[in-house]
Amino acid sequence: MAKHIAVVIQEDPRKSHRPVEALRIALGLSAGSHNTTVVLLGEAACLLGDETDEILDIEILEKYLPSIKQLEIQFILQNIDNQVVIQDGFCVKRESAETISSFKSMDCTLVF
């Protein structure tokens, strides 16, 4: 039975290896029968941005981004004033912090 899973990434990928690893995990979950949504909070949004030079593990990230686009993984980004410019081809929805914090319909949430 397919589960609704949220992968919440809140760490800065320029300071930690965890955000790229979390995105890899989300990709693996999406490849199965699970309905996976990735929530990018704060600086984690730069994982999908045009400026990726400072991201740790950028070579790993670049390897997985085409598959993420192809699988049309749903991303939710926090709607903030200073928004990161997102690369074309990703399924991105911007939501308020209140909406993001009220996720109730998920069977499982992984937070990184």
N, C-alpha and C. Protein backbone atom coordinates (compact mmCIF):
# COMPACT_ATOMS: atom_id res chain seq x y z
N MET A 1 0.83 -1.18 0.00
CA MET A 1 0.00 0.00 0.00
C MET A 1 0.88 1.25 0.00
N ALA A 2 0.60 2.17 -0.91
CA ALA A 2 1.39 3.39 -1.04
C ALA A 2 1.17 4.30 0.17
N LYS A 3 2.23 4.86 0.66
CA LYS A 3 2.17 5.78 1.79
C LYS A 3 2.44 7.19 1.30
N HIS A 4 1.91 8.17 2.02
CA HIS A 4 2.19 9.58 1.77
C HIS A 4 3.34 9.98 2.69
N ILE A 5 4.47 10.33 2.10
CA ILE A 5 5.68 10.60 2.86
C ILE A 5 6.16 12.02 2.58
N ALA A 6 6.53 12.73 3.63
CA ALA A 6 7.14 14.05 3.50
C ALA A 6 8.59 13.95 3.95
N VAL A 7 9.48 14.48 3.13
CA VAL A 7 10.89 14.60 3.50
C VAL A 7 11.14 16.08 3.68
N VAL A 8 11.40 16.49 4.91
CA VAL A 8 11.62 17.89 5.24
C VAL A 8 13.11 18.13 5.37
N ILE A 9 13.61 19.05 4.57
CA ILE A 9 15.04 19.37 4.60
C ILE A 9 15.17 20.81 5.08
N GLN A 10 15.83 20.99 6.22
CA GLN A 10 15.94 22.31 6.83
C GLN A 10 17.38 22.78 7.01
N GLU A 11 18.33 21.91 6.77
CA GLU A 11 19.74 22.31 6.93
C GLU A 11 20.26 22.98 5.67
N ASP A 12 21.28 23.79 5.83
CA ASP A 12 21.91 24.51 4.72
C ASP A 12 22.86 23.56 3.98
N PRO A 13 22.62 23.28 2.70
CA PRO A 13 23.49 22.35 1.96
C PRO A 13 24.89 22.90 1.70
N ARG A 14 25.13 24.15 2.06
CA ARG A 14 26.48 24.72 1.93
C ARG A 14 27.29 24.49 3.19
N LYS A 15 26.62 23.98 4.24
CA LYS A 15 27.28 23.75 5.52
C LYS A 15 27.21 22.31 6.00
N SER A 16 26.36 21.50 5.37
CA SER A 16 26.15 20.13 5.82
C SER A 16 25.95 19.21 4.62
N HIS A 17 26.38 17.97 4.77
CA HIS A 17 26.19 16.96 3.73
C HIS A 17 24.79 16.35 3.79
N ARG A 18 24.10 16.54 4.89
CA ARG A 18 22.79 15.92 5.10
C ARG A 18 21.72 16.29 4.08
N PRO A 19 21.61 17.54 3.61
CA PRO A 19 20.55 17.86 2.65
C PRO A 19 20.64 17.08 1.34
N VAL A 20 21.83 16.90 0.81
CA VAL A 20 21.98 16.13 -0.43
C VAL A 20 21.63 14.67 -0.17
N GLU A 21 22.04 14.14 0.97
CA GLU A 21 21.70 12.76 1.31
C GLU A 21 20.19 12.62 1.50
N ALA A 22 19.54 13.60 2.10
CA ALA A 22 18.09 13.57 2.27
C ALA A 22 17.37 13.57 0.93
N LEU A 23 17.90 14.34 -0.02
CA LEU A 23 17.30 14.37 -1.36
C LEU A 23 17.48 13.03 -2.06
N ARG A 24 18.61 12.39 -1.84
CA ARG A 24 18.84 11.05 -2.40
C ARG A 24 17.84 10.05 -1.80
N ILE A 25 17.58 10.14 -0.52
CA ILE A 25 16.62 9.27 0.14
C ILE A 25 15.22 9.53 -0.43
N ALA A 26 14.87 10.78 -0.62
CA ALA A 26 13.56 11.13 -1.19
C ALA A 26 13.42 10.55 -2.60
N LEU A 27 14.49 10.58 -3.36
CA LEU A 27 14.47 10.00 -4.71
C LEU A 27 14.20 8.50 -4.63
N GLY A 28 14.86 7.82 -3.72
CA GLY A 28 14.65 6.38 -3.55
C GLY A 28 13.22 6.05 -3.14
N LEU A 29 12.65 6.86 -2.27
CA LEU A 29 11.26 6.65 -1.85
C LEU A 29 10.29 6.90 -3.00
N SER A 30 10.60 7.87 -3.83
CA SER A 30 9.73 8.22 -4.96
C SER A 30 9.77 7.18 -6.06
N ALA A 31 10.88 6.47 -6.15
CA ALA A 31 11.01 5.47 -7.21
C ALA A 31 10.10 4.27 -6.96
N GLY A 32 9.65 4.10 -5.73
CA GLY A 32 8.72 3.02 -5.40
C GLY A 32 7.29 3.48 -5.56
N SER A 33 6.42 2.90 -4.81
CA SER A 33 4.99 3.22 -4.92
C SER A 33 4.55 4.34 -3.98
N HIS A 34 5.47 4.92 -3.23
CA HIS A 34 5.12 5.96 -2.26
C HIS A 34 4.89 7.30 -2.94
N ASN A 35 3.96 8.08 -2.38
CA ASN A 35 3.74 9.46 -2.81
C ASN A 35 4.62 10.34 -1.93
N THR A 36 5.69 10.85 -2.51
CA THR A 36 6.69 11.58 -1.73
C THR A 36 6.67 13.06 -2.06
N THR A 37 6.66 13.89 -1.02
CA THR A 37 6.75 15.33 -1.15
C THR A 37 7.98 15.78 -0.40
N VAL A 38 8.77 16.67 -1.01
CA VAL A 38 9.96 17.19 -0.36
C VAL A 38 9.69 18.64 0.02
N VAL A 39 9.89 18.96 1.29
CA VAL A 39 9.71 20.31 1.79
C VAL A 39 11.09 20.90 2.04
N LEU A 40 11.40 22.00 1.37
CA LEU A 40 12.68 22.67 1.53
C LEU A 40 12.48 23.95 2.32
N LEU A 41 13.07 24.01 3.50
CA LEU A 41 12.94 25.18 4.36
C LEU A 41 14.22 26.00 4.35
N GLY A 42 14.07 27.29 4.39
CA GLY A 42 15.21 28.19 4.48
C GLY A 42 16.21 28.00 3.35
N GLU A 43 17.48 27.86 3.74
CA GLU A 43 18.56 27.75 2.77
C GLU A 43 18.57 26.43 2.00
N ALA A 44 17.80 25.46 2.42
CA ALA A 44 17.74 24.18 1.72
C ALA A 44 17.20 24.35 0.30
N ALA A 45 16.49 25.44 0.04
CA ALA A 45 15.95 25.69 -1.29
C ALA A 45 17.04 25.82 -2.35
N CYS A 46 18.25 26.15 -1.94
CA CYS A 46 19.33 26.29 -2.92
C CYS A 46 19.72 24.95 -3.56
N LEU A 47 19.20 23.83 -3.03
CA LEU A 47 19.42 22.53 -3.68
C LEU A 47 18.88 22.52 -5.11
N LEU A 48 17.83 23.29 -5.36
CA LEU A 48 17.23 23.35 -6.68
C LEU A 48 17.56 24.65 -7.42
N GLY A 49 18.41 25.46 -6.82
CA GLY A 49 18.71 26.77 -7.37
C GLY A 49 19.72 26.75 -8.50
N ASP A 50 19.85 27.92 -9.13
CA ASP A 50 20.81 28.10 -10.21
C ASP A 50 22.25 28.17 -9.70
N GLU A 51 22.42 28.69 -8.50
CA GLU A 51 23.75 28.88 -7.91
C GLU A 51 24.07 27.68 -7.01
N THR A 52 24.82 26.72 -7.53
CA THR A 52 25.10 25.50 -6.76
C THR A 52 26.58 25.33 -6.42
N ASP A 53 27.39 26.30 -6.72
CA ASP A 53 28.84 26.17 -6.56
C ASP A 53 29.28 25.85 -5.13
N GLU A 54 28.60 26.39 -4.15
CA GLU A 54 29.02 26.24 -2.75
C GLU A 54 28.39 25.03 -2.05
N ILE A 55 27.53 24.29 -2.73
CA ILE A 55 26.86 23.15 -2.12
C ILE A 55 27.85 22.01 -1.91
N LEU A 56 27.85 21.47 -0.68
CA LEU A 56 28.68 20.30 -0.40
C LEU A 56 28.09 19.12 -1.16
N ASP A 57 28.91 18.24 -1.65
CA ASP A 57 28.47 17.06 -2.41
C ASP A 57 27.74 17.43 -3.70
N ILE A 58 28.17 18.51 -4.34
CA ILE A 58 27.51 18.97 -5.57
C ILE A 58 27.57 17.91 -6.66
N GLU A 59 28.66 17.13 -6.71
CA GLU A 59 28.77 16.10 -7.74
C GLU A 59 27.70 15.02 -7.56
N ILE A 60 27.34 14.72 -6.33
CA ILE A 60 26.27 13.75 -6.05
C ILE A 60 24.92 14.36 -6.41
N LEU A 61 24.72 15.61 -6.03
CA LEU A 61 23.47 16.29 -6.34
C LEU A 61 23.22 16.36 -7.84
N GLU A 62 24.24 16.73 -8.60
CA GLU A 62 24.09 16.84 -10.06
C GLU A 62 23.77 15.49 -10.70
N LYS A 63 24.21 14.43 -10.08
CA LYS A 63 23.94 13.08 -10.59
C LYS A 63 22.46 12.72 -10.44
N TYR A 64 21.82 13.19 -9.36
CA TYR A 64 20.44 12.81 -9.07
C TYR A 64 19.38 13.80 -9.58
N LEU A 65 19.75 15.04 -9.87
CA LEU A 65 18.75 16.03 -10.28
C LEU A 65 17.97 15.63 -11.54
N PRO A 66 18.60 15.05 -12.57
CA PRO A 66 17.80 14.65 -13.74
C PRO A 66 16.72 13.61 -13.40
N SER A 67 17.01 12.67 -12.53
CA SER A 67 16.02 11.67 -12.13
C SER A 67 14.90 12.31 -11.32
N ILE A 68 15.24 13.28 -10.49
CA ILE A 68 14.24 13.99 -9.70
C ILE A 68 13.28 14.73 -10.62
N LYS A 69 13.81 15.35 -11.66
CA LYS A 69 12.96 16.03 -12.64
C LYS A 69 12.08 15.03 -13.38
N GLN A 70 12.67 13.94 -13.81
CA GLN A 70 11.94 12.95 -14.59
C GLN A 70 10.79 12.33 -13.78
N LEU A 71 11.01 12.06 -12.51
CA LEU A 71 9.97 11.48 -11.66
C LEU A 71 8.94 12.51 -11.20
N GLU A 72 9.19 13.77 -11.50
CA GLU A 72 8.30 14.87 -11.13
C GLU A 72 7.97 14.86 -9.64
N ILE A 73 9.02 14.75 -8.84
CA ILE A 73 8.87 14.79 -7.38
C ILE A 73 8.35 16.17 -7.00
N GLN A 74 7.33 16.20 -6.16
CA GLN A 74 6.72 17.45 -5.72
C GLN A 74 7.58 18.10 -4.63
N PHE A 75 7.92 19.38 -4.84
CA PHE A 75 8.66 20.16 -3.86
C PHE A 75 7.77 21.28 -3.33
N ILE A 76 7.87 21.51 -2.03
CA ILE A 76 7.20 22.64 -1.41
C ILE A 76 8.29 23.50 -0.79
N LEU A 77 8.29 24.77 -1.16
CA LEU A 77 9.26 25.72 -0.63
C LEU A 77 8.53 26.76 0.19
N GLN A 78 9.21 27.22 1.23
CA GLN A 78 8.64 28.26 2.06
C GLN A 78 8.63 29.57 1.28
N ASN A 79 7.50 30.22 1.22
CA ASN A 79 7.35 31.48 0.51
C ASN A 79 7.91 32.60 1.38
N ILE A 80 9.12 33.04 1.02
CA ILE A 80 9.80 34.09 1.80
C ILE A 80 10.17 35.24 0.87
N ASP A 81 10.56 36.36 1.45
CA ASP A 81 10.89 37.55 0.66
C ASP A 81 12.10 37.32 -0.24
N ASN A 82 13.15 36.75 0.29
CA ASN A 82 14.39 36.55 -0.47
C ASN A 82 14.39 35.13 -1.03
N GLN A 83 13.69 34.93 -2.15
CA GLN A 83 13.51 33.59 -2.71
C GLN A 83 14.66 33.21 -3.64
N VAL A 84 15.04 31.96 -3.57
CA VAL A 84 16.06 31.41 -4.44
C VAL A 84 15.47 31.20 -5.83
N VAL A 85 16.23 31.52 -6.86
CA VAL A 85 15.79 31.27 -8.23
C VAL A 85 15.97 29.78 -8.51
N ILE A 86 14.86 29.09 -8.81
CA ILE A 86 14.84 27.65 -9.00
C ILE A 86 15.07 27.32 -10.47
N GLN A 87 15.86 26.27 -10.72
CA GLN A 87 16.08 25.79 -12.08
C GLN A 87 14.75 25.35 -12.70
N ASP A 88 14.65 25.43 -14.01
CA ASP A 88 13.45 24.98 -14.71
C ASP A 88 13.33 23.46 -14.63
N GLY A 89 12.10 22.97 -14.70
CA GLY A 89 11.86 21.54 -14.79
C GLY A 89 11.46 20.86 -13.50
N PHE A 90 11.48 21.57 -12.37
CA PHE A 90 11.08 20.98 -11.10
C PHE A 90 9.62 21.33 -10.80
N CYS A 91 8.93 20.44 -10.12
CA CYS A 91 7.55 20.66 -9.69
C CYS A 91 7.59 21.35 -8.33
N VAL A 92 7.48 22.67 -8.35
CA VAL A 92 7.65 23.46 -7.13
C VAL A 92 6.38 24.23 -6.83
N LYS A 93 6.01 24.20 -5.56
CA LYS A 93 4.89 24.96 -5.06
C LYS A 93 5.38 25.75 -3.85
N ARG A 94 5.06 27.02 -3.79
CA ARG A 94 5.48 27.85 -2.66
C ARG A 94 4.30 28.01 -1.71
N GLU A 95 4.57 27.81 -0.42
CA GLU A 95 3.53 27.88 0.61
C GLU A 95 4.01 28.73 1.77
N SER A 96 3.06 29.23 2.55
CA SER A 96 3.40 30.00 3.74
C SER A 96 3.90 29.05 4.84
N ALA A 97 4.58 29.60 5.81
CA ALA A 97 5.09 28.80 6.93
C ALA A 97 3.95 28.14 7.69
N GLU A 98 2.81 28.82 7.81
CA GLU A 98 1.65 28.26 8.51
C GLU A 98 1.12 27.03 7.79
N THR A 99 1.04 27.11 6.46
CA THR A 99 0.53 25.99 5.67
C THR A 99 1.47 24.80 5.77
N ILE A 100 2.76 25.07 5.69
CA ILE A 100 3.75 23.98 5.77
C ILE A 100 3.69 23.31 7.14
N SER A 101 3.56 24.07 8.19
CA SER A 101 3.55 23.49 9.53
C SER A 101 2.27 22.72 9.84
N SER A 102 1.26 22.85 9.00
CA SER A 102 0.00 22.18 9.27
C SER A 102 -0.19 20.89 8.47
N PHE A 103 0.89 20.31 7.95
CA PHE A 103 0.78 19.04 7.23
C PHE A 103 0.23 17.98 8.17
N LYS A 104 -0.92 17.45 7.83
CA LYS A 104 -1.54 16.43 8.67
C LYS A 104 -1.81 15.14 7.89
N SER A 105 -1.79 15.22 6.56
CA SER A 105 -2.21 14.09 5.76
C SER A 105 -1.07 13.11 5.41
N MET A 106 0.07 13.26 6.01
CA MET A 106 1.20 12.40 5.72
C MET A 106 1.21 11.19 6.64
N ASP A 107 1.57 10.04 6.09
CA ASP A 107 1.71 8.83 6.90
C ASP A 107 3.03 8.81 7.65
N CYS A 108 4.04 9.48 7.06
CA CYS A 108 5.38 9.47 7.65
C CYS A 108 6.10 10.74 7.24
N THR A 109 6.86 11.32 8.16
CA THR A 109 7.64 12.51 7.88
C THR A 109 9.08 12.27 8.34
N LEU A 110 10.02 12.51 7.43
CA LEU A 110 11.44 12.40 7.74
C LEU A 110 12.00 13.82 7.76
N VAL A 111 12.69 14.19 8.81
CA VAL A 111 13.21 15.54 8.95
C VAL A 111 14.73 15.51 8.98
N PHE A 112 15.35 16.32 8.13
CA PHE A 112 16.80 16.42 8.05
C PHE A 112 17.24 17.85 8.25
